[in-house]
Amino acid sequence: MLRRGWLLILTLSVILPAQAQTIQATLAGQPYQLELVADPDSRRQGLMGRASLAAGEGMLFDFPVSTRPAIWMRNMQISLDLLFVDENAQLVQVFTEVPPCTASPCAIYQADQALRFVIEVAPGTVETLGLEVGDQLDLADHQLSAPPPY
């Protein structure tokens, strides 16, 4: 009986996805729950396949040192605002109301410089919050942690 219990636990751990790590960030004074993605597979998956993104939620992509992130909207179902953020949590570039890509080739939204983070939030967030290049974001001190190795 004990063996079956362990087998069930092992099976569920393979089938059920691991609980994503989240960051309690503050963007323009508003609290945001950002799902952290810091490995190649989770960065590749991103928000692909999701049908909605609630206000106050988003995804924080953490990139290795010297990365010039490039985001595309292939297989996306929703539009997004993209915030490109440096290693000091300063907003350096913005793309608003980025639509899903419905046919190849897909547009690529690339940073003008190497940076550490990209934040994806619901469309209209930049306008609603009045975010501007140069704004300092509060990433709950995540920027003080070491960047991912790959």
C-alpha atoms as a PDB file:
ATOM      1  CA  MET A   1       0.000   0.000   0.000  1.00  0.00           C
ATOM      2  CA  LEU A   2       2.819   2.411   0.886  1.00  0.00           C
ATOM      3  CA  ARG A   3       4.501   1.641  -2.425  1.00  0.00           C
ATOM      4  CA  ARG A   4       1.310   2.572  -4.336  1.00  0.00           C
ATOM      5  CA  GLY A   5       1.145   5.874  -2.452  1.00  0.00           C
ATOM      6  CA  TRP A   6       4.683   6.774  -3.471  1.00  0.00           C
ATOM      7  CA  LEU A   7       3.968   5.738  -7.049  1.00  0.00           C
ATOM      8  CA  LEU A   8       0.927   8.049  -7.088  1.00  0.00           C
ATOM      9  CA  ILE A   9       2.984  10.957  -5.721  1.00  0.00           C
ATOM     10  CA  LEU A  10       5.734  10.394  -8.303  1.00  0.00           C
ATOM     11  CA  THR A  11       3.192  10.154 -11.109  1.00  0.00           C
ATOM     12  CA  LEU A  12       1.459  13.368 -10.066  1.00  0.00           C
ATOM     13  CA  SER A  13       4.763  15.218  -9.782  1.00  0.00           C
ATOM     14  CA  VAL A  14       5.507  14.338 -13.412  1.00  0.00           C
ATOM     15  CA  ILE A  15       2.007  15.106 -14.707  1.00  0.00           C
ATOM     16  CA  LEU A  16       1.253  18.292 -12.770  1.00  0.00           C
ATOM     17  CA  PRO A  17       3.389  21.342 -13.572  1.00  0.00           C
ATOM     18  CA  ALA A  18       5.531  22.766 -10.804  1.00  0.00           C
ATOM     19  CA  GLN A  19       4.115  25.838  -9.100  1.00  0.00           C
ATOM     20  CA  ALA A  20       5.658  28.809 -10.835  1.00  0.00           C
ATOM     21  CA  GLN A  21       7.790  31.180  -8.802  1.00  0.00           C
ATOM     22  CA  THR A  22       6.277  34.644  -8.610  1.00  0.00           C
ATOM     23  CA  ILE A  23       7.615  38.098  -7.829  1.00  0.00           C
ATOM     24  CA  GLN A  24       5.530  40.717  -6.010  1.00  0.00           C
ATOM     25  CA  ALA A  25       6.532  43.742  -8.105  1.00  0.00           C
ATOM     26  CA  THR A  26       5.313  47.322  -8.106  1.00  0.00           C
ATOM     27  CA  LEU A  27       4.807  49.127 -11.403  1.00  0.00           C
ATOM     28  CA  ALA A  28       4.016  52.850 -11.140  1.00  0.00           C
ATOM     29  CA  GLY A  29       2.863  52.337  -7.568  1.00  0.00           C
ATOM     30  CA  GLN A  30       0.532  49.446  -8.437  1.00  0.00           C
ATOM     31  CA  PRO A  31       1.111  45.882  -7.157  1.00  0.00           C
ATOM     32  CA  TYR A  32       1.779  43.206  -9.775  1.00  0.00           C
ATOM     33  CA  GLN A  33       2.098  39.463  -9.430  1.00  0.00           C
ATOM     34  CA  LEU A  34       4.738  38.484 -12.002  1.00  0.00           C
ATOM     35  CA  GLU A  35       5.404  34.859 -12.863  1.00  0.00           C
ATOM     36  CA  LEU A  36       9.181  34.413 -13.081  1.00  0.00           C
ATOM     37  CA  VAL A  37      10.656  32.563 -16.069  1.00  0.00           C
ATOM     38  CA  ALA A  38      14.428  32.217 -16.013  1.00  0.00           C
ATOM     39  CA  ASP A  39      15.323  29.056 -17.934  1.00  0.00           C
ATOM     40  CA  PRO A  40      15.348  28.559 -21.719  1.00  0.00           C
ATOM     41  CA  ASP A  41      12.267  26.315 -21.874  1.00  0.00           C
ATOM     42  CA  SER A  42      10.042  28.523 -19.724  1.00  0.00           C
ATOM     43  CA  ARG A  43      11.239  31.664 -21.538  1.00  0.00           C
ATOM     44  CA  ARG A  44      10.422  29.987 -24.871  1.00  0.00           C
ATOM     45  CA  GLN A  45       6.930  29.022 -23.619  1.00  0.00           C
ATOM     46  CA  GLY A  46       6.187  32.389 -22.007  1.00  0.00           C
ATOM     47  CA  LEU A  47       2.478  33.190 -22.090  1.00  0.00           C
ATOM     48  CA  MET A  48       1.907  31.123 -25.227  1.00  0.00           C
ATOM     49  CA  GLY A  49      -1.479  29.431 -25.257  1.00  0.00           C
ATOM     50  CA  ARG A  50      -3.047  31.562 -22.528  1.00  0.00           C
ATOM     51  CA  ALA A  51      -6.418  33.053 -23.402  1.00  0.00           C
ATOM     52  CA  SER A  52      -6.280  35.945 -20.945  1.00  0.00           C
ATOM     53  CA  LEU A  53      -4.077  37.890 -18.547  1.00  0.00           C
ATOM     54  CA  ALA A  54      -5.716  39.647 -15.631  1.00  0.00           C
ATOM     55  CA  ALA A  55      -4.923  43.205 -14.592  1.00  0.00           C
ATOM     56  CA  GLY A  56      -2.207  43.135 -11.960  1.00  0.00           C
ATOM     57  CA  GLU A  57      -0.631  39.989 -13.408  1.00  0.00           C
ATOM     58  CA  GLY A  58       2.174  39.372 -15.845  1.00  0.00           C
ATOM     59  CA  MET A  59       5.367  37.520 -16.579  1.00  0.00           C
ATOM     60  CA  LEU A  60       8.944  38.495 -15.721  1.00  0.00           C
ATOM     61  CA  PHE A  61      11.541  37.071 -18.119  1.00  0.00           C
ATOM     62  CA  ASP A  62      15.008  36.961 -16.529  1.00  0.00           C
ATOM     63  CA  PHE A  63      17.847  36.683 -19.057  1.00  0.00           C
ATOM     64  CA  PRO A  64      21.552  35.855 -18.729  1.00  0.00           C
ATOM     65  CA  VAL A  65      24.192  38.605 -18.798  1.00  0.00           C
ATOM     66  CA  SER A  66      24.757  40.292 -22.186  1.00  0.00           C
ATOM     67  CA  THR A  67      21.447  39.158 -23.664  1.00  0.00           C
ATOM     68  CA  ARG A  68      19.632  41.361 -26.143  1.00  0.00           C
ATOM     69  CA  PRO A  69      16.132  39.880 -25.740  1.00  0.00           C
ATOM     70  CA  ALA A  70      13.878  39.371 -28.729  1.00  0.00           C
ATOM     71  CA  ILE A  71      10.182  38.605 -28.258  1.00  0.00           C
ATOM     72  CA  TRP A  72       7.767  37.356 -30.875  1.00  0.00           C
ATOM     73  CA  MET A  73       4.076  36.659 -30.573  1.00  0.00           C
ATOM     74  CA  ARG A  74       3.871  33.331 -32.405  1.00  0.00           C
ATOM     75  CA  ASN A  75       1.129  31.044 -31.043  1.00  0.00           C
ATOM     76  CA  MET A  76      -0.154  33.822 -28.762  1.00  0.00           C
ATOM     77  CA  GLN A  77      -3.864  34.314 -28.220  1.00  0.00           C
ATOM     78  CA  ILE A  78      -3.721  37.754 -26.579  1.00  0.00           C
ATOM     79  CA  SER A  79      -2.061  41.115 -27.167  1.00  0.00           C
ATOM     80  CA  LEU A  80       0.518  42.339 -24.655  1.00  0.00           C
ATOM     81  CA  ASP A  81       2.485  45.369 -23.525  1.00  0.00           C
ATOM     82  CA  LEU A  82       6.220  44.564 -23.415  1.00  0.00           C
ATOM     83  CA  LEU A  83       8.497  46.321 -20.918  1.00  0.00           C
ATOM     84  CA  PHE A  84      12.237  46.001 -21.513  1.00  0.00           C
ATOM     85  CA  VAL A  85      14.071  46.553 -18.229  1.00  0.00           C
ATOM     86  CA  ASP A  86      17.774  46.804 -17.391  1.00  0.00           C
ATOM     87  CA  GLU A  87      19.705  45.103 -14.576  1.00  0.00           C
ATOM     88  CA  ASN A  88      18.888  48.037 -12.248  1.00  0.00           C
ATOM     89  CA  ALA A  89      15.111  47.615 -12.792  1.00  0.00           C
ATOM     90  CA  GLN A  90      14.907  50.755 -14.930  1.00  0.00           C
ATOM     91  CA  LEU A  91      12.477  50.789 -17.864  1.00  0.00           C
ATOM     92  CA  VAL A  92      14.528  51.284 -21.045  1.00  0.00           C
ATOM     93  CA  GLN A  93      12.180  50.372 -23.901  1.00  0.00           C
ATOM     94  CA  VAL A  94       8.434  49.794 -24.369  1.00  0.00           C
ATOM     95  CA  PHE A  95       6.259  48.108 -26.981  1.00  0.00           C
ATOM     96  CA  THR A  96       2.516  48.623 -26.472  1.00  0.00           C
ATOM     97  CA  GLU A  97      -0.533  46.694 -27.648  1.00  0.00           C
ATOM     98  CA  VAL A  98       1.638  44.055 -29.392  1.00  0.00           C
ATOM     99  CA  PRO A  99      -0.781  41.775 -31.287  1.00  0.00           C
ATOM    100  CA  PRO A 100      -0.586  37.986 -31.592  1.00  0.00           C
ATOM    101  CA  CYS A 101       1.079  36.679 -34.735  1.00  0.00           C
ATOM    102  CA  THR A 102      -1.429  34.828 -36.893  1.00  0.00           C
ATOM    103  CA  ALA A 103       0.842  33.970 -39.843  1.00  0.00           C
ATOM    104  CA  SER A 104       4.569  33.661 -40.474  1.00  0.00           C
ATOM    105  CA  PRO A 105       6.776  35.546 -40.642  1.00  0.00           C
ATOM    106  CA  CYS A 106       6.106  37.054 -37.209  1.00  0.00           C
ATOM    107  CA  ALA A 107       7.354  40.488 -36.166  1.00  0.00           C
ATOM    108  CA  ILE A 108      10.213  40.442 -33.663  1.00  0.00           C
ATOM    109  CA  TYR A 109      10.351  42.965 -30.826  1.00  0.00           C
ATOM    110  CA  GLN A 110      14.013  43.236 -29.865  1.00  0.00           C
ATOM    111  CA  ALA A 111      15.815  45.302 -27.262  1.00  0.00           C
ATOM    112  CA  ASP A 112      18.064  48.077 -28.573  1.00  0.00           C
ATOM    113  CA  GLN A 113      20.734  47.014 -26.067  1.00  0.00           C
ATOM    114  CA  ALA A 114      21.723  44.136 -23.810  1.00  0.00           C
ATOM    115  CA  LEU A 115      19.479  44.023 -20.751  1.00  0.00           C
ATOM    116  CA  ARG A 116      18.281  41.638 -18.101  1.00  0.00           C
ATOM    117  CA  PHE A 117      14.476  41.608 -17.995  1.00  0.00           C
ATOM    118  CA  VAL A 118      11.346  41.722 -20.114  1.00  0.00           C
ATOM    119  CA  ILE A 119       7.966  42.092 -18.432  1.00  0.00           C
ATOM    120  CA  GLU A 120       4.817  41.082 -20.283  1.00  0.00           C
ATOM    121  CA  VAL A 121       1.569  42.622 -19.018  1.00  0.00           C
ATOM    122  CA  ALA A 122      -1.983  43.044 -20.288  1.00  0.00           C
ATOM    123  CA  PRO A 123      -2.436  45.413 -23.230  1.00  0.00           C
ATOM    124  CA  GLY A 124      -3.104  48.985 -22.167  1.00  0.00           C
ATOM    125  CA  THR A 125      -1.099  48.666 -18.942  1.00  0.00           C
ATOM    126  CA  VAL A 126       1.587  51.133 -20.072  1.00  0.00           C
ATOM    127  CA  GLU A 127      -1.036  53.772 -20.876  1.00  0.00           C
ATOM    128  CA  THR A 128      -3.156  53.093 -17.776  1.00  0.00           C
ATOM    129  CA  LEU A 129      -0.172  53.322 -15.421  1.00  0.00           C
ATOM    130  CA  GLY A 130       1.501  56.160 -17.327  1.00  0.00           C
ATOM    131  CA  LEU A 131       4.751  54.184 -17.597  1.00  0.00           C
ATOM    132  CA  GLU A 132       7.601  55.905 -19.439  1.00  0.00           C
ATOM    133  CA  VAL A 133      11.147  55.043 -20.429  1.00  0.00           C
ATOM    134  CA  GLY A 134      13.383  55.958 -17.508  1.00  0.00           C
ATOM    135  CA  ASP A 135      10.880  54.910 -14.818  1.00  0.00           C
ATOM    136  CA  GLN A 136      12.306  52.928 -11.929  1.00  0.00           C
ATOM    137  CA  LEU A 137      10.383  49.708 -11.313  1.00  0.00           C
ATOM    138  CA  ASP A 138      10.246  47.768  -8.050  1.00  0.00           C
ATOM    139  CA  LEU A 139      11.036  44.118  -8.751  1.00  0.00           C
ATOM    140  CA  ALA A 140      11.050  43.157  -5.059  1.00  0.00           C
ATOM    141  CA  ASP A 141      14.870  43.239  -5.168  1.00  0.00           C
ATOM    142  CA  HIS A 142      14.938  40.402  -7.713  1.00  0.00           C
ATOM    143  CA  GLN A 143      17.412  42.498  -9.731  1.00  0.00           C
ATOM    144  CA  LEU A 144      19.877  42.033  -6.861  1.00  0.00           C
ATOM    145  CA  SER A 145      19.895  38.256  -7.362  1.00  0.00           C
ATOM    146  CA  ALA A 146      22.352  36.658  -9.766  1.00  0.00           C
ATOM    147  CA  PRO A 147      21.127  36.441 -13.355  1.00  0.00           C
ATOM    148  CA  PRO A 148      20.456  32.975 -14.726  1.00  0.00           C
ATOM    149  CA  PRO A 149      23.504  31.175 -16.140  1.00  0.00           C
ATOM    150  CA  TYR A 150      21.891  30.333 -19.508  1.00  0.00           C
END
